[in-house]
Protein backbone atom coordinates (compact mmCIF):
# COMPACT_ATOMS: atom_id res chain seq x y z
CA MET A 1 25.18 3.81 12.27
CA GLY A 2 28.01 2.24 10.69
CA ILE A 3 29.29 -1.26 12.31
CA ILE A 4 32.92 -2.12 11.87
CA SER A 5 35.85 -2.57 14.02
CA CYS A 6 37.72 0.56 15.36
CA PRO A 7 40.50 -0.42 17.46
CA PHE A 8 41.98 3.11 17.82
CA CYS A 9 38.83 5.44 17.92
CA LYS A 10 40.03 8.66 19.23
CA THR A 11 37.47 10.22 21.99
CA THR A 12 37.32 13.88 23.31
CA GLY A 13 36.58 14.21 27.10
CA ASP A 14 33.31 13.70 28.10
CA THR A 15 30.87 16.57 28.86
CA MET A 16 27.76 15.77 31.07
CA GLN A 17 25.56 16.73 27.68
CA ASP A 18 27.43 13.65 26.34
CA ILE A 19 26.99 11.61 29.39
CA ILE A 20 23.04 12.30 29.16
CA LYS A 21 22.50 11.93 25.35
CA SER A 22 24.95 8.59 25.32
CA SER A 23 22.29 7.40 27.80
CA ILE A 24 19.22 8.30 26.15
CA TYR A 25 20.46 6.48 22.91
CA LEU A 26 20.99 3.50 25.06
CA LYS A 27 18.39 3.45 27.04
CA ALA A 28 15.57 5.32 25.55
CA VAL A 29 16.06 5.21 21.67
CA LEU A 30 17.52 1.59 21.34
CA PRO A 31 14.62 0.04 23.40
CA SER A 32 12.15 1.63 20.98
CA ILE A 33 13.67 -0.93 18.22
CA ALA A 34 11.51 -3.54 20.17
CA ASP A 35 8.50 -1.38 20.06
CA LEU A 36 9.29 -0.91 16.48
CA VAL A 37 8.89 -4.43 15.29
CA GLN A 38 5.80 -5.21 17.10
CA LEU A 39 3.99 -2.02 15.52
CA ASP A 40 5.74 -1.86 11.97
CA ASN A 41 5.30 -4.76 9.25
CA PRO A 42 8.30 -3.54 7.23
CA ALA A 43 10.51 -3.57 10.26
CA LYS A 44 9.51 -7.03 11.41
CA GLU A 45 10.42 -8.29 7.96
CA LEU A 46 14.03 -7.08 8.47
CA ILE A 47 14.38 -9.54 11.22
CA GLN A 48 12.06 -12.44 10.87
CA SER A 49 14.67 -14.93 10.35
CA ALA A 50 17.53 -13.50 12.50
CA ASN A 51 18.57 -15.02 15.84
CA GLU A 52 20.97 -12.59 17.14
CA LYS A 53 21.73 -11.15 20.71
CA ILE A 54 23.37 -7.77 20.40
CA PHE A 55 25.27 -5.76 23.48
CA PHE A 56 26.09 -2.21 23.36
CA SER A 57 28.62 -1.03 26.10
CA ILE A 58 29.95 2.16 26.78
CA ARG A 59 33.38 1.48 28.54
CA ASN A 60 32.72 1.98 32.17
CA GLY A 61 29.03 3.28 31.40
CA ASP A 62 25.53 2.38 30.22
CA LYS A 63 24.68 -1.04 28.61
CA ALA A 64 21.88 -2.29 26.21
CA PHE A 65 21.18 -5.80 25.24
CA LEU A 66 19.04 -6.67 22.44
CA LYS A 67 17.82 -9.90 21.88
CA ILE A 68 16.38 -10.75 18.17
CA GLU A 69 14.57 -14.09 17.96
CA ASN A 70 11.61 -15.37 16.40
CA GLY A 71 10.42 -12.21 14.57
CA LYS A 72 10.72 -10.19 17.82
CA ILE A 73 13.04 -8.00 19.73
CA SER A 74 13.36 -7.90 23.78
CA PHE A 75 15.71 -5.07 25.43
CA SER A 76 17.37 -5.15 28.76
CA THR A 77 20.14 -2.84 30.29
CA ASP A 78 22.15 -6.06 31.33
CA LYS A 79 24.07 -8.52 29.41
CA GLU A 80 21.29 -11.52 29.96
CA GLU A 81 22.88 -13.87 27.62
CA THR A 82 26.25 -14.49 25.66
CA PRO A 83 26.11 -11.88 22.69
CA THR A 84 26.44 -12.99 19.08
CA ILE A 85 27.76 -9.47 18.57
CA HIS A 86 29.31 -6.99 21.04
CA ILE A 87 29.54 -3.12 20.07
CA LEU A 88 32.03 -1.39 22.20
CA LEU A 89 31.45 2.50 22.35
CA MET A 90 34.65 3.90 23.83
CA SER A 91 32.84 6.61 25.82
CA PRO A 92 30.03 8.45 26.18
CA THR A 93 31.40 11.03 23.93
CA HIS A 94 32.31 8.36 21.29
CA ALA A 95 28.72 6.98 21.57
CA VAL A 96 27.17 10.34 20.61
CA GLN A 97 29.52 10.46 17.75
CA VAL A 98 28.62 7.11 16.90
CA PHE A 99 24.81 7.65 16.83
CA GLU A 100 24.67 11.23 15.64
CA GLN A 101 27.54 11.37 13.20
CA GLY A 102 28.41 7.90 11.91
CA LYS A 103 31.74 7.18 13.66
CA LEU A 104 32.44 3.56 13.59
CA PRO A 105 32.09 1.57 16.83
CA PHE A 106 34.66 -1.02 17.86
CA LEU A 107 33.51 -4.38 17.00
CA LEU A 108 34.53 -6.64 20.01
CA LYS A 109 32.65 -9.60 18.60
CA GLY A 110 30.55 -10.55 15.82
CA PHE A 111 32.68 -10.32 12.97
CA THR A 112 30.87 -13.14 11.00
CA HIS A 113 27.56 -11.38 11.76
CA ILE A 114 28.81 -8.23 9.45
CA SER A 115 26.22 -8.85 6.96
CA PHE A 116 23.34 -8.74 9.09
CA LEU A 117 24.48 -5.52 10.83
CA LYS A 118 25.22 -3.53 7.60
CA LYS A 119 21.98 -4.77 5.89
CA ASN A 120 19.43 -5.77 8.32
CA PHE A 121 20.25 -4.11 11.44
CA ASP A 122 21.25 -0.92 9.61
CA ALA A 123 17.83 -0.90 7.92
CA LEU A 124 15.95 -1.27 11.21
CA THR A 125 17.50 1.54 12.51
CA LYS A 126 16.83 3.95 9.67
CA ARG A 127 13.30 2.66 9.71
CA LEU A 128 13.30 3.59 13.43
CA GLU A 129 14.39 7.26 12.76
CA TYR A 130 11.77 7.42 9.96
CA TYR A 131 9.53 7.52 12.78
CA LEU A 132 11.50 9.47 15.50
CA LYS A 133 12.80 12.30 13.13
CA GLY A 134 8.63 13.11 11.90
CA PRO A 135 6.61 14.04 11.52
CA GLN A 136 6.37 13.41 7.53
CA ASN A 137 3.81 12.17 4.96
CA TYR A 138 2.59 9.31 6.97
CA THR A 139 -0.03 7.04 6.29
CA GLU A 140 -2.74 6.78 9.05
CA GLU A 141 -1.27 3.39 10.19
CA GLU A 142 2.20 5.02 10.32
CA LYS A 143 1.07 8.25 12.20
CA LYS A 144 -0.13 5.75 14.67
CA ILE A 145 3.18 4.13 15.25
CA TYR A 146 4.86 7.81 15.33
CA ALA A 147 2.68 8.58 18.27
CA ILE A 148 3.48 5.53 20.12
CA LEU A 149 7.20 5.43 19.32
CA GLN A 150 7.53 9.11 20.13
CA LEU A 151 5.71 9.03 23.54
CA LYS A 152 7.55 5.74 24.69
CA THR A 153 10.85 7.16 23.65
CA ALA A 154 10.08 10.67 25.56
CA LEU A 155 9.03 8.75 28.76
CA ARG A 156 12.36 6.38 28.70
CA SER A 157 14.14 9.62 28.00
CA ALA A 158 12.61 11.20 31.03
CA GLU A 159 13.94 8.53 33.20
CA VAL A 160 17.54 9.10 32.12
CA LEU A 161 17.07 12.66 32.65
CA ALA A 162 15.66 11.86 36.49
CA GLU A 163 18.67 9.74 37.03
CA LYS A 164 21.54 11.92 35.61
CA GLU A 165 20.53 15.33 34.96
CA GLU A 166 20.64 17.97 37.97
CA VAL A 167 17.41 20.24 36.90
CA SER A 168 15.30 17.03 36.14
CA LYS A 169 16.47 15.98 39.58
CA LYS A 170 15.57 19.00 41.50
CA ILE A 171 11.94 19.14 39.80
CA LEU A 172 11.17 15.83 40.38
CA ALA A 173 12.44 15.90 44.13
CA SER A 174 9.72 18.14 44.89
CA THR A 175 6.97 16.22 42.98
CA PRO A 176 4.46 14.16 44.72
CA HIS A 177 5.42 10.53 44.77
CA GLY A 178 2.78 8.52 42.13
CA ILE A 179 2.28 6.95 38.65
CA LEU A 180 1.21 9.40 35.57
CA LYS A 181 -0.66 7.58 32.67
CA VAL A 182 -0.04 9.28 29.34
CA ALA A 183 -2.98 7.85 27.14
CA ILE A 184 -4.04 8.35 23.29
CA GLU A 185 -8.03 7.80 23.59
CA SER A 186 -8.67 7.10 19.89
CA ILE A 187 -6.09 4.37 19.65
CA HIS A 188 -6.61 2.96 23.31
CA PHE A 189 -2.83 3.45 24.05
CA GLU A 190 -1.45 3.78 27.19
CA SER A 191 2.13 4.26 29.09
CA TYR A 192 3.43 5.27 32.23
CA PHE A 193 5.71 7.26 34.15
CA GLY A 194 5.88 7.05 38.01
CA TYR A 195 7.83 6.74 41.19
CA ILE A 196 8.73 3.05 41.81
CA ASP A 197 11.04 1.47 44.12
CA GLY A 198 12.93 5.04 45.24
CA LYS A 199 13.22 5.99 41.11
CA TRP A 200 11.26 7.77 39.17
CA LYS A 201 11.32 5.46 35.70
CA TYR A 202 9.24 4.77 32.76
CA ILE A 203 6.99 1.99 32.94
CA ASP A 204 5.68 -0.23 30.20
CA GLN A 205 2.91 -1.77 32.22
CA LEU A 206 1.60 -1.83 35.56
CA SER A 207 1.99 -4.50 37.85
CA GLY A 208 -0.50 -3.62 40.74
CA GLN A 209 0.22 -0.35 41.18
CA SER A 210 -2.56 2.64 41.41
CA ILE A 211 -2.60 5.53 38.88
CA SER A 212 -2.10 8.69 40.61
CA SER A 213 -2.54 11.17 37.43
CA ILE A 214 -3.87 10.90 34.08
CA LEU A 215 -2.71 12.84 30.75
CA SER A 216 -5.20 11.88 27.96
CA LEU A 217 -4.77 12.97 24.48
CA LYS A 218 -8.18 12.89 22.32
CA ASP A 219 -6.44 11.73 19.33
CA LEU A 220 -3.47 10.86 16.96
CA GLU A 221 -3.79 14.75 15.51
CA THR A 222 -3.87 16.26 18.98
CA THR A 223 -0.81 13.98 20.02
CA GLU A 224 1.26 15.36 16.76
CA LEU A 225 0.30 18.84 17.76
CA LEU A 226 1.82 18.53 21.26
CA LEU A 227 4.79 16.67 20.32
CA THR A 228 5.85 19.14 17.86
CA ASN A 229 5.09 22.06 20.16
CA LYS A 230 2.03 23.64 18.08
CA LEU A 231 -0.17 22.87 21.07
CA ASP A 232 0.20 23.71 24.79
CA THR A 233 -1.51 21.90 27.45
CA PHE A 234 -3.51 24.77 28.48
CA ALA A 235 -4.77 25.51 24.87
CA GLY A 236 -5.47 21.52 24.35
CA LEU A 237 -7.76 21.59 27.82
CA GLY A 238 -9.52 24.61 26.66
CA LEU A 239 -10.34 23.08 23.08
CA GLY A 240 -11.18 19.92 24.84
CA LYS A 241 -8.50 17.55 23.13
CA ILE A 242 -6.72 17.25 26.36
CA HIS A 243 -7.73 16.04 29.69
CA ILE A 244 -6.28 15.44 32.97
CA ALA A 245 -7.04 14.18 36.16
CA GLY A 246 -5.52 13.28 39.63
CA ILE A 247 -2.65 14.81 41.22
CA ILE A 248 -1.97 17.68 39.00
CA PRO A 249 2.00 18.43 40.31
CA ILE A 250 2.84 15.27 38.99
CA ILE A 251 1.48 15.99 35.63
CA ASP A 252 3.06 19.41 35.77
CA ASN A 253 6.40 18.54 36.97
CA VAL A 254 6.96 15.28 34.56
CA GLY A 255 5.90 17.71 31.72
CA LEU A 256 8.74 20.01 32.64
CA VAL A 257 11.46 17.09 32.40
CA LEU A 258 9.66 15.89 29.08
CA GLY A 259 10.20 19.63 27.94
CA ARG A 260 14.08 19.43 28.92
CA ILE A 261 14.59 16.35 26.51
CA THR A 262 15.05 18.54 23.53
CA GLN A 263 18.27 20.03 25.03
CA TYR A 264 19.74 16.51 24.68
CA ILE A 265 18.25 15.12 21.73
CA SER A 266 15.70 15.98 19.19
């Protein structure tokens, strides 16, 4: 993603496809940068000495705020502090063009930070792409990072579809309320997706809620096969590589929503 000012960006009319895709980029892909620097040493080195607050905003639309400090990144959908860098995306369509085609965004603030954006942050986004575009010839440690980032990004994307996509809304409207735990047994990884405060959403850590359903993957190989559509849930169950428990309709219906993500981003 190139970063330079572009005050005269021209955009086309927004489609629902672009509205959903742009939201996935801001609310599912960008947050994965925070996970990346926790897991991947080369990524952490890129921001080790940085102290930046980057605010992405789609005009009249979604927002994303990344705080980079002390070798860590935190994410929020609100502008929690005064940003050092403000990147304006003129519309959902323009946002998709920026993320997918390299079109230039409008830099509202942060001209003196262009060096960081063009070098460190651009390298960081390429490192994330290395995992999200996978699988590749990964090392064993990279396979672990790939699996975690892919699953977290997918669950965050499911939250976007639950909010914005009509088919996913209908699927989840007929789904029993509860919380699904998605786990990879061999690396003791857990993440969650569930109904909280009247919405279906991604949950990084539980805070007192009880788990209603479990989808547990035996190992990294199983996870990769499932993510690349080389193993379906029924086959995995038969082979003993996938285990399910609890309220099955939650697992089935969330799985249907996850299956729709590739219609927007892959």
